[in-house]
């Protein structure tokens, strides 16, 4: 039986939310992860293991199911420190979404 493992990385999400200026989200989404109390201790090196060419950006975000992260909730919880998970849009730049899927089966 082949085991499939999917790692989703959202480096800069296509969603823009506006405070005073438009922002792009910048975080790594690892998909479903049940043990969320220990997620703060995870590092990009632990997630990528030997796949060092895969981009990773803290904070690391997980969901309860296969649904995408709730960016509205992220914004509301961290709007006083938006640079924790995002960056302001600047002229000539765009928000992009990067997804990497791989088979880590044996």
PDB file of N, CA and C in Angstrom:
ATOM      1  N   UNK A   1       0.848  -1.174   0.000  1.00  0.00           N
ATOM      2  CA  UNK A   1       0.000   0.000   0.000  1.00  0.00           C
ATOM      3  C   UNK A   1       0.894   1.238   0.000  1.00  0.00           C
ATOM      4  N   UNK A   2       0.588   2.143  -0.852  1.00  0.00           N
ATOM      5  CA  UNK A   2       1.368   3.365  -0.955  1.00  0.00           C
ATOM      6  C   UNK A   2       0.771   4.429  -0.060  1.00  0.00           C
ATOM      7  N   UNK A   3       1.601   5.043   0.731  1.00  0.00           N
ATOM      8  CA  UNK A   3       1.159   6.146   1.583  1.00  0.00           C
ATOM      9  C   UNK A   3       1.394   7.451   0.851  1.00  0.00           C
ATOM     10  N   UNK A   4       0.387   8.272   0.837  1.00  0.00           N
ATOM     11  CA  UNK A   4       0.512   9.578   0.208  1.00  0.00           C
ATOM     12  C   UNK A   4       0.464  10.647   1.277  1.00  0.00           C
ATOM     13  N   UNK A   5       1.348  11.569   1.176  1.00  0.00           N
ATOM     14  CA  UNK A   5       1.403  12.676   2.119  1.00  0.00           C
ATOM     15  C   UNK A   5       1.393  13.953   1.306  1.00  0.00           C
ATOM     16  N   UNK A   6       0.519  14.820   1.634  1.00  0.00           N
ATOM     17  CA  UNK A   6       0.407  16.072   0.901  1.00  0.00           C
ATOM     18  C   UNK A   6       0.756  17.222   1.825  1.00  0.00           C
ATOM     19  N   UNK A   7       1.641  18.036   1.372  1.00  0.00           N
ATOM     20  CA  UNK A   7       2.041  19.224   2.123  1.00  0.00           C
ATOM     21  C   UNK A   7       1.649  20.432   1.304  1.00  0.00           C
ATOM     22  N   UNK A   8       0.812  21.246   1.873  1.00  0.00           N
ATOM     23  CA  UNK A   8       0.374  22.450   1.191  1.00  0.00           C
ATOM     24  C   UNK A   8       1.117  23.629   1.787  1.00  0.00           C
ATOM     25  N   UNK A   9       1.704  24.383   0.933  1.00  0.00           N
ATOM     26  CA  UNK A   9       2.394  25.583   1.383  1.00  0.00           C
ATOM     27  C   UNK A   9       1.709  26.783   0.774  1.00  0.00           C
ATOM     28  N   UNK A  10       1.261  27.636   1.602  1.00  0.00           N
ATOM     29  CA  UNK A  10       0.739  28.895   1.094  1.00  0.00           C
ATOM     30  C   UNK A  10       1.720  29.946   1.570  1.00  0.00           C
ATOM     31  N   UNK A  11       2.569  30.353   0.672  1.00  0.00           N
ATOM     32  CA  UNK A  11       3.562  31.348   1.032  1.00  0.00           C
ATOM     33  C   UNK A  11       2.922  32.728   1.023  1.00  0.00           C
ATOM     34  N   UNK A  12       2.266  33.044  -0.042  1.00  0.00           N
ATOM     35  CA  UNK A  12       1.538  34.301  -0.108  1.00  0.00           C
ATOM     36  C   UNK A  12       0.199  33.985  -0.739  1.00  0.00           C
ATOM     37  N   UNK A  13      -0.851  34.086   0.023  1.00  0.00           N
ATOM     38  CA  UNK A  13      -2.188  33.732  -0.444  1.00  0.00           C
ATOM     39  C   UNK A  13      -2.732  34.812  -1.366  1.00  0.00           C
ATOM     40  N   UNK A  14      -3.564  34.406  -2.303  1.00  0.00           N
ATOM     41  CA  UNK A  14      -4.132  35.350  -3.262  1.00  0.00           C
ATOM     42  C   UNK A  14      -5.142  36.292  -2.626  1.00  0.00           C
ATOM     43  N   UNK A  15      -5.572  36.003  -1.433  1.00  0.00           N
ATOM     44  CA  UNK A  15      -6.578  36.830  -0.777  1.00  0.00           C
ATOM     45  C   UNK A  15      -5.958  38.112  -0.243  1.00  0.00           C
ATOM     46  N   UNK A  16      -6.591  39.203  -0.513  1.00  0.00           N
ATOM     47  CA  UNK A  16      -6.148  40.489   0.019  1.00  0.00           C
ATOM     48  C   UNK A  16      -7.187  41.000   1.003  1.00  0.00           C
ATOM     49  N   UNK A  17      -6.741  41.436   2.142  1.00  0.00           N
ATOM     50  CA  UNK A  17      -7.622  42.103   3.092  1.00  0.00           C
ATOM     51  C   UNK A  17      -7.060  43.490   3.331  1.00  0.00           C
ATOM     52  N   UNK A  18      -7.920  44.428   3.497  1.00  0.00           N
ATOM     53  CA  UNK A  18      -7.468  45.804   3.619  1.00  0.00           C
ATOM     54  C   UNK A  18      -7.687  46.326   5.031  1.00  0.00           C
ATOM     55  N   UNK A  19      -6.640  46.841   5.625  1.00  0.00           N
ATOM     56  CA  UNK A  19      -6.761  47.615   6.855  1.00  0.00           C
ATOM     57  C   UNK A  19      -6.663  49.052   6.377  1.00  0.00           C
ATOM     58  N   UNK A  20      -5.493  49.634   6.481  1.00  0.00           N
ATOM     59  CA  UNK A  20      -5.262  50.923   5.841  1.00  0.00           C
ATOM     60  C   UNK A  20      -4.747  50.689   4.434  1.00  0.00           C
ATOM     61  N   UNK A  21      -3.985  49.628   4.276  1.00  0.00           N
ATOM     62  CA  UNK A  21      -3.376  49.284   2.999  1.00  0.00           C
ATOM     63  C   UNK A  21      -3.665  47.811   2.720  1.00  0.00           C
ATOM     64  N   UNK A  22      -3.657  47.406   1.460  1.00  0.00           N
ATOM     65  CA  UNK A  22      -3.880  45.986   1.160  1.00  0.00           C
ATOM     66  C   UNK A  22      -2.701  45.131   1.647  1.00  0.00           C
ATOM     67  N   UNK A  23      -3.011  43.944   2.129  1.00  0.00           N
ATOM     68  CA  UNK A  23      -2.013  43.006   2.627  1.00  0.00           C
ATOM     69  C   UNK A  23      -2.130  41.680   1.898  1.00  0.00           C
ATOM     70  N   UNK A  24      -1.009  40.993   1.762  1.00  0.00           N
ATOM     71  CA  UNK A  24      -0.979  39.608   1.299  1.00  0.00           C
ATOM     72  C   UNK A  24      -0.687  38.738   2.516  1.00  0.00           C
ATOM     73  N   UNK A  25      -1.328  37.588   2.597  1.00  0.00           N
ATOM     74  CA  UNK A  25      -1.017  36.656   3.671  1.00  0.00           C
ATOM     75  C   UNK A  25       0.276  35.934   3.327  1.00  0.00           C
ATOM     76  N   UNK A  26       1.059  35.608   4.376  1.00  0.00           N
ATOM     77  CA  UNK A  26       2.340  34.931   4.180  1.00  0.00           C
ATOM     78  C   UNK A  26       2.503  33.944   5.333  1.00  0.00           C
ATOM     79  N   UNK A  27       2.226  32.659   5.047  1.00  0.00           N
ATOM     80  CA  UNK A  27       2.332  31.613   6.056  1.00  0.00           C
ATOM     81  C   UNK A  27       2.423  30.267   5.357  1.00  0.00           C
ATOM     82  N   UNK A  28       2.717  29.232   6.117  1.00  0.00           N
ATOM     83  CA  UNK A  28       2.745  27.874   5.588  1.00  0.00           C
ATOM     84  C   UNK A  28       1.571  27.113   6.170  1.00  0.00           C
ATOM     85  N   UNK A  29       0.765  26.542   5.298  1.00  0.00           N
ATOM     86  CA  UNK A  29      -0.379  25.732   5.715  1.00  0.00           C
ATOM     87  C   UNK A  29      -0.010  24.274   5.526  1.00  0.00           C
ATOM     88  N   UNK A  30      -0.039  23.495   6.587  1.00  0.00           N
ATOM     89  CA  UNK A  30       0.348  22.088   6.502  1.00  0.00           C
ATOM     90  C   UNK A  30      -0.851  21.159   6.389  1.00  0.00           C
ATOM     91  N   UNK A  31      -2.034  21.718   6.182  1.00  0.00           N
ATOM     92  CA  UNK A  31      -3.233  20.895   6.030  1.00  0.00           C
ATOM     93  C   UNK A  31      -3.777  20.476   7.381  1.00  0.00           C
ATOM     94  N   UNK A  32      -4.487  19.330   7.420  1.00  0.00           N
ATOM     95  CA  UNK A  32      -5.065  18.875   8.685  1.00  0.00           C
ATOM     96  C   UNK A  32      -3.973  18.468   9.674  1.00  0.00           C
ATOM     97  N   UNK A  33      -4.134  18.873  10.908  1.00  0.00           N
ATOM     98  CA  UNK A  33      -3.174  18.552  11.961  1.00  0.00           C
ATOM     99  C   UNK A  33      -3.941  18.541  13.270  1.00  0.00           C
ATOM    100  N   UNK A  34      -4.070  17.379  13.873  1.00  0.00           N
ATOM    101  CA  UNK A  34      -4.918  17.234  15.055  1.00  0.00           C
ATOM    102  C   UNK A  34      -4.294  17.806  16.327  1.00  0.00           C
ATOM    103  N   UNK A  35      -2.986  17.715  16.462  1.00  0.00           N
ATOM    104  CA  UNK A  35      -2.316  18.115  17.701  1.00  0.00           C
ATOM    105  C   UNK A  35      -1.872  19.574  17.619  1.00  0.00           C
ATOM    106  N   UNK A  36      -2.842  20.483  17.543  1.00  0.00           N
ATOM    107  CA  UNK A  36      -2.534  21.896  17.324  1.00  0.00           C
ATOM    108  C   UNK A  36      -1.812  22.558  18.497  1.00  0.00           C
ATOM    109  N   UNK A  37      -1.909  21.979  19.697  1.00  0.00           N
ATOM    110  CA  UNK A  37      -1.232  22.610  20.831  1.00  0.00           C
ATOM    111  C   UNK A  37       0.288  22.545  20.676  1.00  0.00           C
ATOM    112  N   UNK A  38       0.789  21.621  19.868  1.00  0.00           N
ATOM    113  CA  UNK A  38       2.229  21.504  19.654  1.00  0.00           C
ATOM    114  C   UNK A  38       2.695  22.127  18.344  1.00  0.00           C
ATOM    115  N   UNK A  39       1.796  22.728  17.600  1.00  0.00           N
ATOM    116  CA  UNK A  39       2.172  23.284  16.298  1.00  0.00           C
ATOM    117  C   UNK A  39       3.111  24.475  16.436  1.00  0.00           C
ATOM    118  N   UNK A  40       3.015  25.213  17.519  1.00  0.00           N
ATOM    119  CA  UNK A  40       3.890  26.374  17.711  1.00  0.00           C
ATOM    120  C   UNK A  40       5.352  25.957  17.816  1.00  0.00           C
ATOM    121  N   UNK A  41       5.594  24.714  18.223  1.00  0.00           N
ATOM    122  CA  UNK A  41       6.963  24.222  18.364  1.00  0.00           C
ATOM    123  C   UNK A  41       7.542  23.685  17.062  1.00  0.00           C
ATOM    124  N   UNK A  42       6.702  23.487  16.045  1.00  0.00           N
ATOM    125  CA  UNK A  42       7.196  22.957  14.774  1.00  0.00           C
ATOM    126  C   UNK A  42       8.050  23.990  14.054  1.00  0.00           C
ATOM    127  N   UNK A  43       9.093  23.507  13.420  1.00  0.00           N
ATOM    128  CA  UNK A  43       9.939  24.377  12.608  1.00  0.00           C
ATOM    129  C   UNK A  43       9.793  23.979  11.146  1.00  0.00           C
ATOM    130  N   UNK A  44      10.206  24.860  10.272  1.00  0.00           N
ATOM    131  CA  UNK A  44      10.173  24.542   8.846  1.00  0.00           C
ATOM    132  C   UNK A  44      11.074  23.347   8.544  1.00  0.00           C
ATOM    133  N   UNK A  45      12.181  23.228   9.246  1.00  0.00           N
ATOM    134  CA  UNK A  45      13.094  22.110   9.028  1.00  0.00           C
ATOM    135  C   UNK A  45      12.414  20.783   9.361  1.00  0.00           C
ATOM    136  N   UNK A  46      11.614  20.741  10.426  1.00  0.00           N
ATOM    137  CA  UNK A  46      10.908  19.515  10.789  1.00  0.00           C
ATOM    138  C   UNK A  46       9.851  19.162   9.752  1.00  0.00           C
ATOM    139  N   UNK A  47       9.187  20.153   9.222  1.00  0.00           N
ATOM    140  CA  UNK A  47       8.137  19.899   8.243  1.00  0.00           C
ATOM    141  C   UNK A  47       8.729  19.420   6.929  1.00  0.00           C
ATOM    142  N   UNK A  48       9.778  20.075   6.481  1.00  0.00           N
ATOM    143  CA  UNK A  48      10.378  19.743   5.190  1.00  0.00           C
ATOM    144  C   UNK A  48      11.239  18.502   5.254  1.00  0.00           C
ATOM    145  N   UNK A  49      11.771  18.185   6.419  1.00  0.00           N
ATOM    146  CA  UNK A  49      12.715  17.089   6.608  1.00  0.00           C
ATOM    147  C   UNK A  49      13.867  17.245   5.630  1.00  0.00           C
ATOM    148  N   UNK A  50      14.051  16.311   4.715  1.00  0.00           N
ATOM    149  CA  UNK A  50      15.181  16.396   3.795  1.00  0.00           C
ATOM    150  C   UNK A  50      14.848  17.147   2.505  1.00  0.00           C
ATOM    151  N   UNK A  51      13.647  17.657   2.381  1.00  0.00           N
ATOM    152  CA  UNK A  51      13.226  18.370   1.177  1.00  0.00           C
ATOM    153  C   UNK A  51      13.461  19.868   1.362  1.00  0.00           C
ATOM    154  N   UNK A  52      14.708  20.251   1.460  1.00  0.00           N
ATOM    155  CA  UNK A  52      15.062  21.626   1.802  1.00  0.00           C
ATOM    156  C   UNK A  52      14.733  22.635   0.716  1.00  0.00           C
ATOM    157  N   UNK A  53      14.448  22.170  -0.485  1.00  0.00           N
ATOM    158  CA  UNK A  53      14.123  23.090  -1.577  1.00  0.00           C
ATOM    159  C   UNK A  53      12.667  23.552  -1.535  1.00  0.00           C
ATOM    160  N   UNK A  54      11.862  22.988  -0.654  1.00  0.00           N
ATOM    161  CA  UNK A  54      10.464  23.393  -0.535  1.00  0.00           C
ATOM    162  C   UNK A  54      10.394  24.663   0.313  1.00  0.00           C
ATOM    163  N   UNK A  55       9.746  25.709  -0.190  1.00  0.00           N
ATOM    164  CA  UNK A  55       9.644  26.931   0.609  1.00  0.00           C
ATOM    165  C   UNK A  55       8.801  26.724   1.865  1.00  0.00           C
ATOM    166  N   UNK A  56       9.162  27.395   2.913  1.00  0.00           N
ATOM    167  CA  UNK A  56       8.412  27.336   4.165  1.00  0.00           C
ATOM    168  C   UNK A  56       8.549  28.686   4.844  1.00  0.00           C
ATOM    169  N   UNK A  57       7.460  29.153   5.387  1.00  0.00           N
ATOM    170  CA  UNK A  57       7.445  30.473   6.028  1.00  0.00           C
ATOM    171  C   UNK A  57       6.604  30.387   7.296  1.00  0.00           C
ATOM    172  N   UNK A  58       7.161  30.790   8.417  1.00  0.00           N
ATOM    173  CA  UNK A  58       6.385  30.849   9.649  1.00  0.00           C
ATOM    174  C   UNK A  58       5.500  32.078   9.616  1.00  0.00           C
ATOM    175  N   UNK A  59       4.342  32.055  10.213  1.00  0.00           N
ATOM    176  CA  UNK A  59       3.838  31.005  11.085  1.00  0.00           C
ATOM    177  C   UNK A  59       3.326  29.801  10.302  1.00  0.00           C
ATOM    178  N   UNK A  60       3.283  28.683  10.999  1.00  0.00           N
ATOM    179  CA  UNK A  60       2.759  27.450  10.434  1.00  0.00           C
ATOM    180  C   UNK A  60       1.301  27.349  10.860  1.00  0.00           C
ATOM    181  N   UNK A  61       0.422  27.117   9.890  1.00  0.00           N
ATOM    182  CA  UNK A  61      -1.022  27.091  10.123  1.00  0.00           C
ATOM    183  C   UNK A  61      -1.550  25.706   9.775  1.00  0.00           C
ATOM    184  N   UNK A  62      -2.452  25.176  10.606  1.00  0.00           N
ATOM    185  CA  UNK A  62      -3.090  23.887  10.348  1.00  0.00           C
ATOM    186  C   UNK A  62      -4.597  24.049  10.463  1.00  0.00           C
ATOM    187  N   UNK A  63      -5.317  23.123   9.847  1.00  0.00           N
ATOM    188  CA  UNK A  63      -6.776  23.113   9.930  1.00  0.00           C
ATOM    189  C   UNK A  63      -7.232  21.771  10.485  1.00  0.00           C
ATOM    190  N   UNK A  64      -8.503  21.704  10.882  1.00  0.00           N
ATOM    191  CA  UNK A  64      -9.054  20.457  11.411  1.00  0.00           C
ATOM    192  C   UNK A  64      -9.383  19.459  10.311  1.00  0.00           C
ATOM    193  N   UNK A  65      -9.590  19.947   9.114  1.00  0.00           N
ATOM    194  CA  UNK A  65      -9.984  19.083   8.007  1.00  0.00           C
ATOM    195  C   UNK A  65      -9.251  19.547   6.754  1.00  0.00           C
ATOM    196  N   UNK A  66      -9.727  19.135   5.599  1.00  0.00           N
ATOM    197  CA  UNK A  66      -9.069  19.514   4.351  1.00  0.00           C
ATOM    198  C   UNK A  66      -9.433  20.912   3.889  1.00  0.00           C
ATOM    199  N   UNK A  67     -10.239  21.636   4.671  1.00  0.00           N
ATOM    200  CA  UNK A  67     -10.606  22.999   4.306  1.00  0.00           C
ATOM    201  C   UNK A  67      -9.404  23.930   4.387  1.00  0.00           C
ATOM    202  N   UNK A  68      -9.460  24.991   3.628  1.00  0.00           N
ATOM    203  CA  UNK A  68      -8.372  25.975   3.632  1.00  0.00           C
ATOM    204  C   UNK A  68      -8.436  26.821   4.901  1.00  0.00           C
ATOM    205  N   UNK A  69      -7.338  27.445   5.276  1.00  0.00           N
ATOM    206  CA  UNK A  69      -7.346  28.302   6.467  1.00  0.00           C
ATOM    207  C   UNK A  69      -8.336  29.457   6.321  1.00  0.00           C
ATOM    208  N   UNK A  70      -8.919  29.835   7.427  1.00  0.00           N
ATOM    209  CA  UNK A  70      -9.864  30.947   7.455  1.00  0.00           C
ATOM    210  C   UNK A  70      -9.064  32.239   7.592  1.00  0.00           C
ATOM    211  N   UNK A  71      -8.793  32.883   6.460  1.00  0.00           N
ATOM    212  CA  UNK A  71      -7.965  34.084   6.482  1.00  0.00           C
ATOM    213  C   UNK A  71      -8.663  35.259   7.158  1.00  0.00           C
ATOM    214  N   UNK A  72      -9.984  35.275   7.136  1.00  0.00           N
ATOM    215  CA  UNK A  72     -10.708  36.334   7.852  1.00  0.00           C
ATOM    216  C   UNK A  72     -10.457  36.204   9.349  1.00  0.00           C
ATOM    217  N   UNK A  73     -10.505  34.977   9.866  1.00  0.00           N
ATOM    218  CA  UNK A  73     -10.228  34.740  11.280  1.00  0.00           C
ATOM    219  C   UNK A  73      -8.784  35.109  11.620  1.00  0.00           C
ATOM    220  N   UNK A  74      -7.841  34.735  10.762  1.00  0.00           N
ATOM    221  CA  UNK A  74      -6.442  35.112  10.985  1.00  0.00           C
ATOM    222  C   UNK A  74      -6.296  36.624  11.081  1.00  0.00           C
ATOM    223  N   UNK A  75      -6.946  37.318  10.158  1.00  0.00           N
ATOM    224  CA  UNK A  75      -6.862  38.781  10.148  1.00  0.00           C
ATOM    225  C   UNK A  75      -7.446  39.368  11.434  1.00  0.00           C
ATOM    226  N   UNK A  76      -8.602  38.884  11.849  1.00  0.00           N
ATOM    227  CA  UNK A  76      -9.247  39.429  13.043  1.00  0.00           C
ATOM    228  C   UNK A  76      -8.436  39.156  14.307  1.00  0.00           C
ATOM    229  N   UNK A  77      -7.807  37.977  14.386  1.00  0.00           N
ATOM    230  CA  UNK A  77      -7.022  37.637  15.573  1.00  0.00           C
ATOM    231  C   UNK A  77      -5.686  38.374  15.638  1.00  0.00           C
ATOM    232  N   UNK A  78      -5.136  38.739  14.478  1.00  0.00           N
ATOM    233  CA  UNK A  78      -3.789  39.320  14.464  1.00  0.00           C
ATOM    234  C   UNK A  78      -3.722  40.682  13.787  1.00  0.00           C
ATOM    235  N   UNK A  79      -4.846  41.370  13.655  1.00  0.00           N
ATOM    236  CA  UNK A  79      -4.834  42.629  12.900  1.00  0.00           C
ATOM    237  C   UNK A  79      -3.971  43.711  13.547  1.00  0.00           C
ATOM    238  N   UNK A  80      -3.692  43.591  14.837  1.00  0.00           N
ATOM    239  CA  UNK A  80      -2.808  44.562  15.488  1.00  0.00           C
ATOM    240  C   UNK A  80      -1.336  44.313  15.164  1.00  0.00           C
ATOM    241  N   UNK A  81      -1.021  43.098  14.682  1.00  0.00           N
ATOM    242  CA  UNK A  81       0.341  42.744  14.265  1.00  0.00           C
ATOM    243  C   UNK A  81       0.265  42.043  12.909  1.00  0.00           C
ATOM    244  N   UNK A  82      -0.179  42.745  11.866  1.00  0.00           N
ATOM    245  CA  UNK A  82      -0.390  42.091  10.572  1.00  0.00           C
ATOM    246  C   UNK A  82       0.886  41.558   9.933  1.00  0.00           C
ATOM    247  N   UNK A  83       2.046  42.078  10.300  1.00  0.00           N
ATOM    248  CA  UNK A  83       3.287  41.578   9.711  1.00  0.00           C
ATOM    249  C   UNK A  83       3.674  40.205  10.244  1.00  0.00           C
ATOM    250  N   UNK A  84       2.957  39.717  11.257  1.00  0.00           N
ATOM    251  CA  UNK A  84       3.203  38.375  11.781  1.00  0.00           C
ATOM    252  C   UNK A  84       2.866  37.316  10.732  1.00  0.00           C
ATOM    253  N   UNK A  85       1.879  37.581   9.908  1.00  0.00           N
ATOM    254  CA  UNK A  85       1.436  36.587   8.929  1.00  0.00           C
ATOM    255  C   UNK A  85       1.256  37.176   7.534  1.00  0.00           C
ATOM    256  N   UNK A  86       1.669  38.397   7.337  1.00  0.00           N
ATOM    257  CA  UNK A  86       1.456  38.998   6.029  1.00  0.00           C
ATOM    258  C   UNK A  86       2.447  40.091   5.726  1.00  0.00           C
ATOM    259  N   UNK A  87       2.249  40.679   4.579  1.00  0.00           N
ATOM    260  CA  UNK A  87       3.101  41.796   4.179  1.00  0.00           C
ATOM    261  C   UNK A  87       2.254  42.779   3.387  1.00  0.00           C
ATOM    262  N   UNK A  88       2.560  44.060   3.512  1.00  0.00           N
ATOM    263  CA  UNK A  88       1.780  45.046   2.770  1.00  0.00           C
ATOM    264  C   UNK A  88       2.080  44.956   1.277  1.00  0.00           C
ATOM    265  N   UNK A  89       1.051  45.146   0.485  1.00  0.00           N
ATOM    266  CA  UNK A  89       1.231  45.190  -0.965  1.00  0.00           C
ATOM    267  C   UNK A  89       2.014  46.445  -1.314  1.00  0.00           C
ATOM    268  N   UNK A  90       2.891  46.319  -2.259  1.00  0.00           N
ATOM    269  CA  UNK A  90       3.626  47.471  -2.757  1.00  0.00           C
ATOM    270  C   UNK A  90       3.485  47.506  -4.269  1.00  0.00           C
ATOM    271  N   UNK A  91       3.585  48.665  -4.871  1.00  0.00           N
ATOM    272  CA  UNK A  91       3.441  48.757  -6.323  1.00  0.00           C
ATOM    273  C   UNK A  91       4.425  47.831  -7.045  1.00  0.00           C
ATOM    274  N   UNK A  92       3.942  47.162  -8.053  1.00  0.00           N
ATOM    275  CA  UNK A  92       4.784  46.270  -8.842  1.00  0.00           C
ATOM    276  C   UNK A  92       4.880  44.862  -8.300  1.00  0.00           C
ATOM    277  N   UNK A  93       4.245  44.563  -7.169  1.00  0.00           N
ATOM    278  CA  UNK A  93       4.271  43.216  -6.610  1.00  0.00           C
ATOM    279  C   UNK A  93       2.872  42.633  -6.606  1.00  0.00           C
ATOM    280  N   UNK A  94       2.791  41.303  -6.538  1.00  0.00           N
ATOM    281  CA  UNK A  94       1.502  40.612  -6.527  1.00  0.00           C
ATOM    282  C   UNK A  94       1.529  39.505  -5.486  1.00  0.00           C
ATOM    283  N   UNK A  95       0.367  39.138  -5.001  1.00  0.00           N
ATOM    284  CA  UNK A  95       0.240  37.989  -4.106  1.00  0.00           C
ATOM    285  C   UNK A  95       0.126  36.740  -4.975  1.00  0.00           C
ATOM    286  N   UNK A  96       0.805  35.674  -4.592  1.00  0.00           N
ATOM    287  CA  UNK A  96       0.720  34.415  -5.321  1.00  0.00           C
ATOM    288  C   UNK A  96       0.487  33.288  -4.327  1.00  0.00           C
ATOM    289  N   UNK A  97      -0.020  32.183  -4.826  1.00  0.00           N
ATOM    290  CA  UNK A  97      -0.241  30.990  -4.004  1.00  0.00           C
ATOM    291  C   UNK A  97       0.665  29.892  -4.542  1.00  0.00           C
ATOM    292  N   UNK A  98       1.400  29.248  -3.657  1.00  0.00           N
ATOM    293  CA  UNK A  98       2.310  28.174  -4.030  1.00  0.00           C
ATOM    294  C   UNK A  98       1.837  26.908  -3.332  1.00  0.00           C
ATOM    295  N   UNK A  99       1.580  25.855  -4.089  1.00  0.00           N
ATOM    296  CA  UNK A  99       1.157  24.576  -3.522  1.00  0.00           C
ATOM    297  C   UNK A  99       2.126  23.501  -3.969  1.00  0.00           C
ATOM    298  N   UNK A 100       2.633  22.735  -3.026  1.00  0.00           N
ATOM    299  CA  UNK A 100       3.549  21.643  -3.330  1.00  0.00           C
ATOM    300  C   UNK A 100       2.935  20.355  -2.805  1.00  0.00           C
ATOM    301  N   UNK A 101       2.767  19.385  -3.674  1.00  0.00           N
ATOM    302  CA  UNK A 101       2.210  18.088  -3.306  1.00  0.00           C
ATOM    303  C   UNK A 101       3.233  17.023  -3.673  1.00  0.00           C
ATOM    304  N   UNK A 102       3.493  16.096  -2.762  1.00  0.00           N
ATOM    305  CA  UNK A 102       4.439  15.037  -3.090  1.00  0.00           C
ATOM    306  C   UNK A 102       4.023  13.732  -2.435  1.00  0.00           C
ATOM    307  N   UNK A 103       4.530  12.632  -2.997  1.00  0.00           N
ATOM    308  CA  UNK A 103       4.269  11.296  -2.490  1.00  0.00           C
ATOM    309  C   UNK A 103       5.461  10.894  -1.644  1.00  0.00           C
ATOM    310  N   UNK A 104       5.242  10.792  -0.363  1.00  0.00           N
ATOM    311  CA  UNK A 104       6.315  10.400   0.544  1.00  0.00           C
ATOM    312  C   UNK A 104       6.208   8.909   0.875  1.00  0.00           C
ATOM    313  N   UNK A 105       5.461   8.185   0.060  1.00  0.00           N
ATOM    314  CA  UNK A 105       5.251   6.762   0.290  1.00  0.00           C
ATOM    315  C   UNK A 105       6.493   5.944  -0.026  1.00  0.00           C
ATOM    316  N   UNK A 106       6.472   4.714   0.434  1.00  0.00           N
ATOM    317  CA  UNK A 106       7.620   3.843   0.215  1.00  0.00           C
ATOM    318  C   UNK A 106       7.369   2.797  -0.818  1.00  0.00           C
TER     319      UNK A 106
END
